[in-house]
Amino acid sequence: MSDRGLLFLFSIFMIVVSLGAAAYLLATGQALTIDGLFTVLVALLTAVVFALYIMFVIHRAMEPAKPPAKPAAQA
């Protein structure tokens, strides 16, 4: 597997884990404290950062390939 594929899968994993952590904190009521609130915000921010990376990777993959460079003219 290529390094980009591995990073893509790792990003998906991190998004799921971050959203799961935020949901757990909300479900157990721990998000109602100041510490819990900041932990939820960090988890959601982590999910957003990895989601932005995935969006960048997808948009980059959808770009048309650049044509090969022309060889230099010889004198």
PDB file of N, CA and C in Angstrom:
ATOM      1  N   MET A   1       0.844  -1.170   0.000  1.00  0.00           N
ATOM      2  CA  MET A   1       0.000   0.000   0.000  1.00  0.00           C
ATOM      3  C   MET A   1       0.895   1.240   0.000  1.00  0.00           C
ATOM      4  N   SER A   2       0.477   2.237  -0.743  1.00  0.00           N
ATOM      5  CA  SER A   2       1.279   3.462  -0.829  1.00  0.00           C
ATOM      6  C   SER A   2       1.161   4.265   0.466  1.00  0.00           C
ATOM      7  N   ASP A   3       2.076   5.194   0.632  1.00  0.00           N
ATOM      8  CA  ASP A   3       2.045   6.019   1.828  1.00  0.00           C
ATOM      9  C   ASP A   3       0.815   6.923   1.846  1.00  0.00           C
ATOM     10  N   ARG A   4       0.367   7.359   0.688  1.00  0.00           N
ATOM     11  CA  ARG A   4      -0.841   8.197   0.640  1.00  0.00           C
ATOM     12  C   ARG A   4      -2.074   7.410   1.028  1.00  0.00           C
ATOM     13  N   GLY A   5      -2.128   6.153   0.598  1.00  0.00           N
ATOM     14  CA  GLY A   5      -3.262   5.307   0.972  1.00  0.00           C
ATOM     15  C   GLY A   5      -3.294   5.050   2.466  1.00  0.00           C
ATOM     16  N   LEU A   6      -2.114   4.827   3.039  1.00  0.00           N
ATOM     17  CA  LEU A   6      -2.025   4.596   4.481  1.00  0.00           C
ATOM     18  C   LEU A   6      -2.418   5.854   5.254  1.00  0.00           C
ATOM     19  N   LEU A   7      -1.975   7.013   4.804  1.00  0.00           N
ATOM     20  CA  LEU A   7      -2.355   8.265   5.460  1.00  0.00           C
ATOM     21  C   LEU A   7      -3.854   8.533   5.335  1.00  0.00           C
ATOM     22  N   PHE A   8      -4.437   8.161   4.193  1.00  0.00           N
ATOM     23  CA  PHE A   8      -5.874   8.328   4.010  1.00  0.00           C
ATOM     24  C   PHE A   8      -6.635   7.459   5.011  1.00  0.00           C
ATOM     25  N   LEU A   9      -6.244   6.195   5.138  1.00  0.00           N
ATOM     26  CA  LEU A   9      -6.911   5.301   6.090  1.00  0.00           C
ATOM     27  C   LEU A   9      -6.700   5.759   7.531  1.00  0.00           C
ATOM     28  N   PHE A  10      -5.495   6.234   7.844  1.00  0.00           N
ATOM     29  CA  PHE A  10      -5.231   6.752   9.186  1.00  0.00           C
ATOM     30  C   PHE A  10      -6.097   7.972   9.475  1.00  0.00           C
ATOM     31  N   SER A  11      -6.304   8.823   8.477  1.00  0.00           N
ATOM     32  CA  SER A  11      -7.146  10.002   8.664  1.00  0.00           C
ATOM     33  C   SER A  11      -8.590   9.608   8.928  1.00  0.00           C
ATOM     34  N   ILE A  12      -9.080   8.629   8.189  1.00  0.00           N
ATOM     35  CA  ILE A  12     -10.447   8.143   8.428  1.00  0.00           C
ATOM     36  C   ILE A  12     -10.559   7.593   9.855  1.00  0.00           C
ATOM     37  N   PHE A  13      -9.553   6.816  10.264  1.00  0.00           N
ATOM     38  CA  PHE A  13      -9.536   6.253  11.615  1.00  0.00           C
ATOM     39  C   PHE A  13      -9.565   7.363  12.664  1.00  0.00           C
ATOM     40  N   MET A  14      -8.750   8.394  12.483  1.00  0.00           N
ATOM     41  CA  MET A  14      -8.687   9.482  13.455  1.00  0.00           C
ATOM     42  C   MET A  14      -9.995  10.268  13.527  1.00  0.00           C
ATOM     43  N   ILE A  15     -10.648  10.442  12.393  1.00  0.00           N
ATOM     44  CA  ILE A  15     -11.941  11.131  12.398  1.00  0.00           C
ATOM     45  C   ILE A  15     -12.958  10.328  13.191  1.00  0.00           C
ATOM     46  N   VAL A  16     -13.011   9.024  12.947  1.00  0.00           N
ATOM     47  CA  VAL A  16     -13.974   8.172  13.649  1.00  0.00           C
ATOM     48  C   VAL A  16     -13.693   8.158  15.147  1.00  0.00           C
ATOM     49  N   VAL A  17     -12.420   8.035  15.522  1.00  0.00           N
ATOM     50  CA  VAL A  17     -12.060   8.008  16.945  1.00  0.00           C
ATOM     51  C   VAL A  17     -12.368   9.354  17.605  1.00  0.00           C
ATOM     52  N   SER A  18     -12.072  10.440  16.943  1.00  0.00           N
ATOM     53  CA  SER A  18     -12.333  11.762  17.520  1.00  0.00           C
ATOM     54  C   SER A  18     -13.821  12.008  17.707  1.00  0.00           C
ATOM     55  N   LEU A  19     -14.597  11.664  16.704  1.00  0.00           N
ATOM     56  CA  LEU A  19     -16.048  11.843  16.843  1.00  0.00           C
ATOM     57  C   LEU A  19     -16.613  10.900  17.898  1.00  0.00           C
ATOM     58  N   GLY A  20     -16.057   9.697  17.981  1.00  0.00           N
ATOM     59  CA  GLY A  20     -16.490   8.756  19.017  1.00  0.00           C
ATOM     60  C   GLY A  20     -16.173   9.263  20.416  1.00  0.00           C
ATOM     61  N   ALA A  21     -14.997   9.854  20.581  1.00  0.00           N
ATOM     62  CA  ALA A  21     -14.627  10.408  21.886  1.00  0.00           C
ATOM     63  C   ALA A  21     -15.546  11.558  22.273  1.00  0.00           C
ATOM     64  N   ALA A  22     -15.858  12.424  21.317  1.00  0.00           N
ATOM     65  CA  ALA A  22     -16.761  13.538  21.599  1.00  0.00           C
ATOM     66  C   ALA A  22     -18.163  13.021  21.949  1.00  0.00           C
ATOM     67  N   ALA A  23     -18.623  12.018  21.217  1.00  0.00           N
ATOM     68  CA  ALA A  23     -19.948  11.444  21.501  1.00  0.00           C
ATOM     69  C   ALA A  23     -19.964  10.777  22.877  1.00  0.00           C
ATOM     70  N   TYR A  24     -18.886  10.089  23.215  1.00  0.00           N
ATOM     71  CA  TYR A  24     -18.801   9.441  24.533  1.00  0.00           C
ATOM     72  C   TYR A  24     -18.858  10.480  25.648  1.00  0.00           C
ATOM     73  N   LEU A  25     -18.105  11.558  25.486  1.00  0.00           N
ATOM     74  CA  LEU A  25     -18.105  12.600  26.513  1.00  0.00           C
ATOM     75  C   LEU A  25     -19.477  13.247  26.653  1.00  0.00           C
ATOM     76  N   LEU A  26     -20.155  13.426  25.550  1.00  0.00           N
ATOM     77  CA  LEU A  26     -21.505  14.000  25.614  1.00  0.00           C
ATOM     78  C   LEU A  26     -22.500  13.019  26.217  1.00  0.00           C
ATOM     79  N   ALA A  27     -22.391  11.741  25.867  1.00  0.00           N
ATOM     80  CA  ALA A  27     -23.332  10.736  26.353  1.00  0.00           C
ATOM     81  C   ALA A  27     -23.185  10.484  27.850  1.00  0.00           C
ATOM     82  N   THR A  28     -21.962  10.553  28.358  1.00  0.00           N
ATOM     83  CA  THR A  28     -21.745  10.288  29.781  1.00  0.00           C
ATOM     84  C   THR A  28     -21.897  11.530  30.649  1.00  0.00           C
ATOM     85  N   GLY A  29     -22.086  12.678  30.035  1.00  0.00           N
ATOM     86  CA  GLY A  29     -22.266  13.903  30.799  1.00  0.00           C
ATOM     87  C   GLY A  29     -20.973  14.552  31.225  1.00  0.00           C
ATOM     88  N   GLN A  30     -19.845  14.013  30.822  1.00  0.00           N
ATOM     89  CA  GLN A  30     -18.564  14.595  31.205  1.00  0.00           C
ATOM     90  C   GLN A  30     -18.285  15.893  30.456  1.00  0.00           C
ATOM     91  N   ALA A  31     -19.027  16.139  29.399  1.00  0.00           N
ATOM     92  CA  ALA A  31     -18.811  17.356  28.615  1.00  0.00           C
ATOM     93  C   ALA A  31     -19.412  18.580  29.298  1.00  0.00           C
ATOM     94  N   LEU A  32     -20.093  18.379  30.411  1.00  0.00           N
ATOM     95  CA  LEU A  32     -20.721  19.501  31.098  1.00  0.00           C
ATOM     96  C   LEU A  32     -19.757  20.246  32.017  1.00  0.00           C
ATOM     97  N   THR A  33     -18.567  19.710  32.203  1.00  0.00           N
ATOM     98  CA  THR A  33     -17.567  20.411  33.009  1.00  0.00           C
ATOM     99  C   THR A  33     -16.661  21.212  32.072  1.00  0.00           C
ATOM    100  N   ILE A  34     -15.895  22.096  32.643  1.00  0.00           N
ATOM    101  CA  ILE A  34     -14.979  22.910  31.834  1.00  0.00           C
ATOM    102  C   ILE A  34     -13.937  22.022  31.171  1.00  0.00           C
ATOM    103  N   ASP A  35     -13.378  21.084  31.933  1.00  0.00           N
ATOM    104  CA  ASP A  35     -12.377  20.171  31.354  1.00  0.00           C
ATOM    105  C   ASP A  35     -12.987  19.334  30.238  1.00  0.00           C
ATOM    106  N   GLY A  36     -14.195  18.859  30.459  1.00  0.00           N
ATOM    107  CA  GLY A  36     -14.872  18.055  29.446  1.00  0.00           C
ATOM    108  C   GLY A  36     -15.189  18.862  28.207  1.00  0.00           C
ATOM    109  N   LEU A  37     -15.569  20.112  28.401  1.00  0.00           N
ATOM    110  CA  LEU A  37     -15.869  20.976  27.262  1.00  0.00           C
ATOM    111  C   LEU A  37     -14.639  21.168  26.392  1.00  0.00           C
ATOM    112  N   PHE A  38     -13.505  21.430  27.018  1.00  0.00           N
ATOM    113  CA  PHE A  38     -12.277  21.609  26.248  1.00  0.00           C
ATOM    114  C   PHE A  38     -11.848  20.298  25.582  1.00  0.00           C
ATOM    115  N   THR A  39     -12.085  19.183  26.241  1.00  0.00           N
ATOM    116  CA  THR A  39     -11.754  17.895  25.638  1.00  0.00           C
ATOM    117  C   THR A  39     -12.629  17.635  24.415  1.00  0.00           C
ATOM    118  N   VAL A  40     -13.903  17.977  24.502  1.00  0.00           N
ATOM    119  CA  VAL A  40     -14.800  17.832  23.348  1.00  0.00           C
ATOM    120  C   VAL A  40     -14.341  18.737  22.216  1.00  0.00           C
ATOM    121  N   LEU A  41     -13.972  19.961  22.538  1.00  0.00           N
ATOM    122  CA  LEU A  41     -13.508  20.884  21.505  1.00  0.00           C
ATOM    123  C   LEU A  41     -12.233  20.393  20.834  1.00  0.00           C
ATOM    124  N   VAL A  42     -11.326  19.832  21.601  1.00  0.00           N
ATOM    125  CA  VAL A  42     -10.085  19.294  21.028  1.00  0.00           C
ATOM    126  C   VAL A  42     -10.398  18.105  20.128  1.00  0.00           C
ATOM    127  N   ALA A  43     -11.298  17.238  20.570  1.00  0.00           N
ATOM    128  CA  ALA A  43     -11.668  16.071  19.762  1.00  0.00           C
ATOM    129  C   ALA A  43     -12.324  16.501  18.446  1.00  0.00           C
ATOM    130  N   LEU A  44     -13.212  17.483  18.515  1.00  0.00           N
ATOM    131  CA  LEU A  44     -13.873  17.951  17.295  1.00  0.00           C
ATOM    132  C   LEU A  44     -12.891  18.685  16.382  1.00  0.00           C
ATOM    133  N   LEU A  45     -11.979  19.440  16.953  1.00  0.00           N
ATOM    134  CA  LEU A  45     -10.971  20.133  16.145  1.00  0.00           C
ATOM    135  C   LEU A  45     -10.050  19.134  15.455  1.00  0.00           C
ATOM    136  N   THR A  46      -9.705  18.065  16.150  1.00  0.00           N
ATOM    137  CA  THR A  46      -8.883  17.015  15.539  1.00  0.00           C
ATOM    138  C   THR A  46      -9.614  16.389  14.361  1.00  0.00           C
ATOM    139  N   ALA A  47     -10.901  16.129  14.526  1.00  0.00           N
ATOM    140  CA  ALA A  47     -11.695  15.555  13.436  1.00  0.00           C
ATOM    141  C   ALA A  47     -11.746  16.514  12.247  1.00  0.00           C
ATOM    142  N   VAL A  48     -11.884  17.801  12.511  1.00  0.00           N
ATOM    143  CA  VAL A  48     -11.947  18.790  11.423  1.00  0.00           C
ATOM    144  C   VAL A  48     -10.620  18.859  10.675  1.00  0.00           C
ATOM    145  N   VAL A  49      -9.513  18.831  11.403  1.00  0.00           N
ATOM    146  CA  VAL A  49      -8.199  18.913  10.751  1.00  0.00           C
ATOM    147  C   VAL A  49      -7.982  17.721   9.828  1.00  0.00           C
ATOM    148  N   PHE A  50      -8.297  16.523  10.293  1.00  0.00           N
ATOM    149  CA  PHE A  50      -8.121  15.344   9.451  1.00  0.00           C
ATOM    150  C   PHE A  50      -9.124  15.329   8.298  1.00  0.00           C
ATOM    151  N   ALA A  51     -10.322  15.869   8.509  1.00  0.00           N
ATOM    152  CA  ALA A  51     -11.298  15.956   7.424  1.00  0.00           C
ATOM    153  C   ALA A  51     -10.815  16.921   6.343  1.00  0.00           C
ATOM    154  N   LEU A  52     -10.193  18.023   6.748  1.00  0.00           N
ATOM    155  CA  LEU A  52      -9.644  18.951   5.763  1.00  0.00           C
ATOM    156  C   LEU A  52      -8.532  18.295   4.959  1.00  0.00           C
ATOM    157  N   TYR A  53      -7.709  17.475   5.619  1.00  0.00           N
ATOM    158  CA  TYR A  53      -6.659  16.756   4.901  1.00  0.00           C
ATOM    159  C   TYR A  53      -7.264  15.802   3.879  1.00  0.00           C
ATOM    160  N   ILE A  54      -8.315  15.098   4.259  1.00  0.00           N
ATOM    161  CA  ILE A  54      -8.957  14.162   3.330  1.00  0.00           C
ATOM    162  C   ILE A  54      -9.560  14.927   2.156  1.00  0.00           C
ATOM    163  N   MET A  55     -10.172  16.072   2.425  1.00  0.00           N
ATOM    164  CA  MET A  55     -10.726  16.872   1.326  1.00  0.00           C
ATOM    165  C   MET A  55      -9.614  17.307   0.376  1.00  0.00           C
ATOM    166  N   PHE A  56      -8.467  17.715   0.917  1.00  0.00           N
ATOM    167  CA  PHE A  56      -7.329  18.106   0.083  1.00  0.00           C
ATOM    168  C   PHE A  56      -6.862  16.932  -0.774  1.00  0.00           C
ATOM    169  N   VAL A  57      -6.759  15.756  -0.178  1.00  0.00           N
ATOM    170  CA  VAL A  57      -6.292  14.580  -0.913  1.00  0.00           C
ATOM    171  C   VAL A  57      -7.270  14.225  -2.029  1.00  0.00           C
ATOM    172  N   ILE A  58      -8.550  14.282  -1.745  1.00  0.00           N
ATOM    173  CA  ILE A  58      -9.554  13.942  -2.757  1.00  0.00           C
ATOM    174  C   ILE A  58      -9.530  14.953  -3.901  1.00  0.00           C
ATOM    175  N   HIS A  59      -9.465  16.240  -3.570  1.00  0.00           N
ATOM    176  CA  HIS A  59      -9.414  17.253  -4.633  1.00  0.00           C
ATOM    177  C   HIS A  59      -8.126  17.146  -5.444  1.00  0.00           C
ATOM    178  N   ARG A  60      -7.042  16.806  -4.779  1.00  0.00           N
ATOM    179  CA  ARG A  60      -5.771  16.643  -5.489  1.00  0.00           C
ATOM    180  C   ARG A  60      -5.828  15.446  -6.435  1.00  0.00           C
ATOM    181  N   ALA A  61      -6.493  14.385  -6.019  1.00  0.00           N
ATOM    182  CA  ALA A  61      -6.598  13.193  -6.857  1.00  0.00           C
ATOM    183  C   ALA A  61      -7.519  13.418  -8.052  1.00  0.00           C
ATOM    184  N   MET A  62      -8.454  14.355  -7.934  1.00  0.00           N
ATOM    185  CA  MET A  62      -9.390  14.613  -9.024  1.00  0.00           C
ATOM    186  C   MET A  62      -8.834  15.564 -10.071  1.00  0.00           C
ATOM    187  N   GLU A  63      -7.717  16.218  -9.791  1.00  0.00           N
ATOM    188  CA  GLU A  63      -7.117  17.128 -10.769  1.00  0.00           C
ATOM    189  C   GLU A  63      -6.600  16.336 -11.965  1.00  0.00           C
ATOM    190  N   PRO A  64      -6.723  16.910 -13.166  1.00  0.00           N
ATOM    191  CA  PRO A  64      -6.164  16.199 -14.323  1.00  0.00           C
ATOM    192  C   PRO A  64      -4.642  16.165 -14.236  1.00  0.00           C
ATOM    193  N   ALA A  65      -4.090  15.117 -14.768  1.00  0.00           N
ATOM    194  CA  ALA A  65      -2.633  14.961 -14.738  1.00  0.00           C
ATOM    195  C   ALA A  65      -1.985  16.008 -15.638  1.00  0.00           C
ATOM    196  N   LYS A  66      -0.864  16.536 -15.209  1.00  0.00           N
ATOM    197  CA  LYS A  66      -0.144  17.525 -16.002  1.00  0.00           C
ATOM    198  C   LYS A  66       0.599  16.802 -17.127  1.00  0.00           C
ATOM    199  N   PRO A  67       0.646  17.419 -18.307  1.00  0.00           N
ATOM    200  CA  PRO A  67       1.397  16.777 -19.391  1.00  0.00           C
ATOM    201  C   PRO A  67       2.886  16.780 -19.076  1.00  0.00           C
ATOM    202  N   PRO A  68       3.612  15.818 -19.599  1.00  0.00           N
ATOM    203  CA  PRO A  68       5.059  15.786 -19.317  1.00  0.00           C
ATOM    204  C   PRO A  68       5.752  17.016 -19.895  1.00  0.00           C
ATOM    205  N   ALA A  69       6.829  17.416 -19.249  1.00  0.00           N
ATOM    206  CA  ALA A  69       7.570  18.591 -19.692  1.00  0.00           C
ATOM    207  C   ALA A  69       8.247  18.301 -21.026  1.00  0.00           C
ATOM    208  N   LYS A  70       8.315  19.335 -21.858  1.00  0.00           N
ATOM    209  CA  LYS A  70       8.971  19.189 -23.151  1.00  0.00           C
ATOM    210  C   LYS A  70      10.477  19.180 -22.950  1.00  0.00           C
ATOM    211  N   PRO A  71      11.189  18.375 -23.716  1.00  0.00           N
ATOM    212  CA  PRO A  71      12.656  18.374 -23.590  1.00  0.00           C
ATOM    213  C   PRO A  71      13.227  19.703 -24.076  1.00  0.00           C
ATOM    214  N   ALA A  72      14.356  20.081 -23.539  1.00  0.00           N
ATOM    215  CA  ALA A  72      15.001  21.342 -23.902  1.00  0.00           C
ATOM    216  C   ALA A  72      15.499  21.272 -25.336  1.00  0.00           C
ATOM    217  N   ALA A  73      15.348  22.376 -26.043  1.00  0.00           N
ATOM    218  CA  ALA A  73      15.808  22.440 -27.441  1.00  0.00           C
ATOM    219  C   ALA A  73      17.323  22.502 -27.464  1.00  0.00           C
ATOM    220  N   GLN A  74      17.922  21.724 -28.388  1.00  0.00           N
ATOM    221  CA  GLN A  74      19.371  21.727 -28.501  1.00  0.00           C
ATOM    222  C   GLN A  74      19.792  22.694 -29.591  1.00  0.00           C
ATOM    223  N   ALA A  75      20.891  23.399 -29.382  1.00  0.00           N
ATOM    224  CA  ALA A  75      21.362  24.392 -30.345  1.00  0.00           C
ATOM    225  C   ALA A  75      22.257  23.784 -31.394  1.00  0.00           C
TER     226      ALA A  75
END
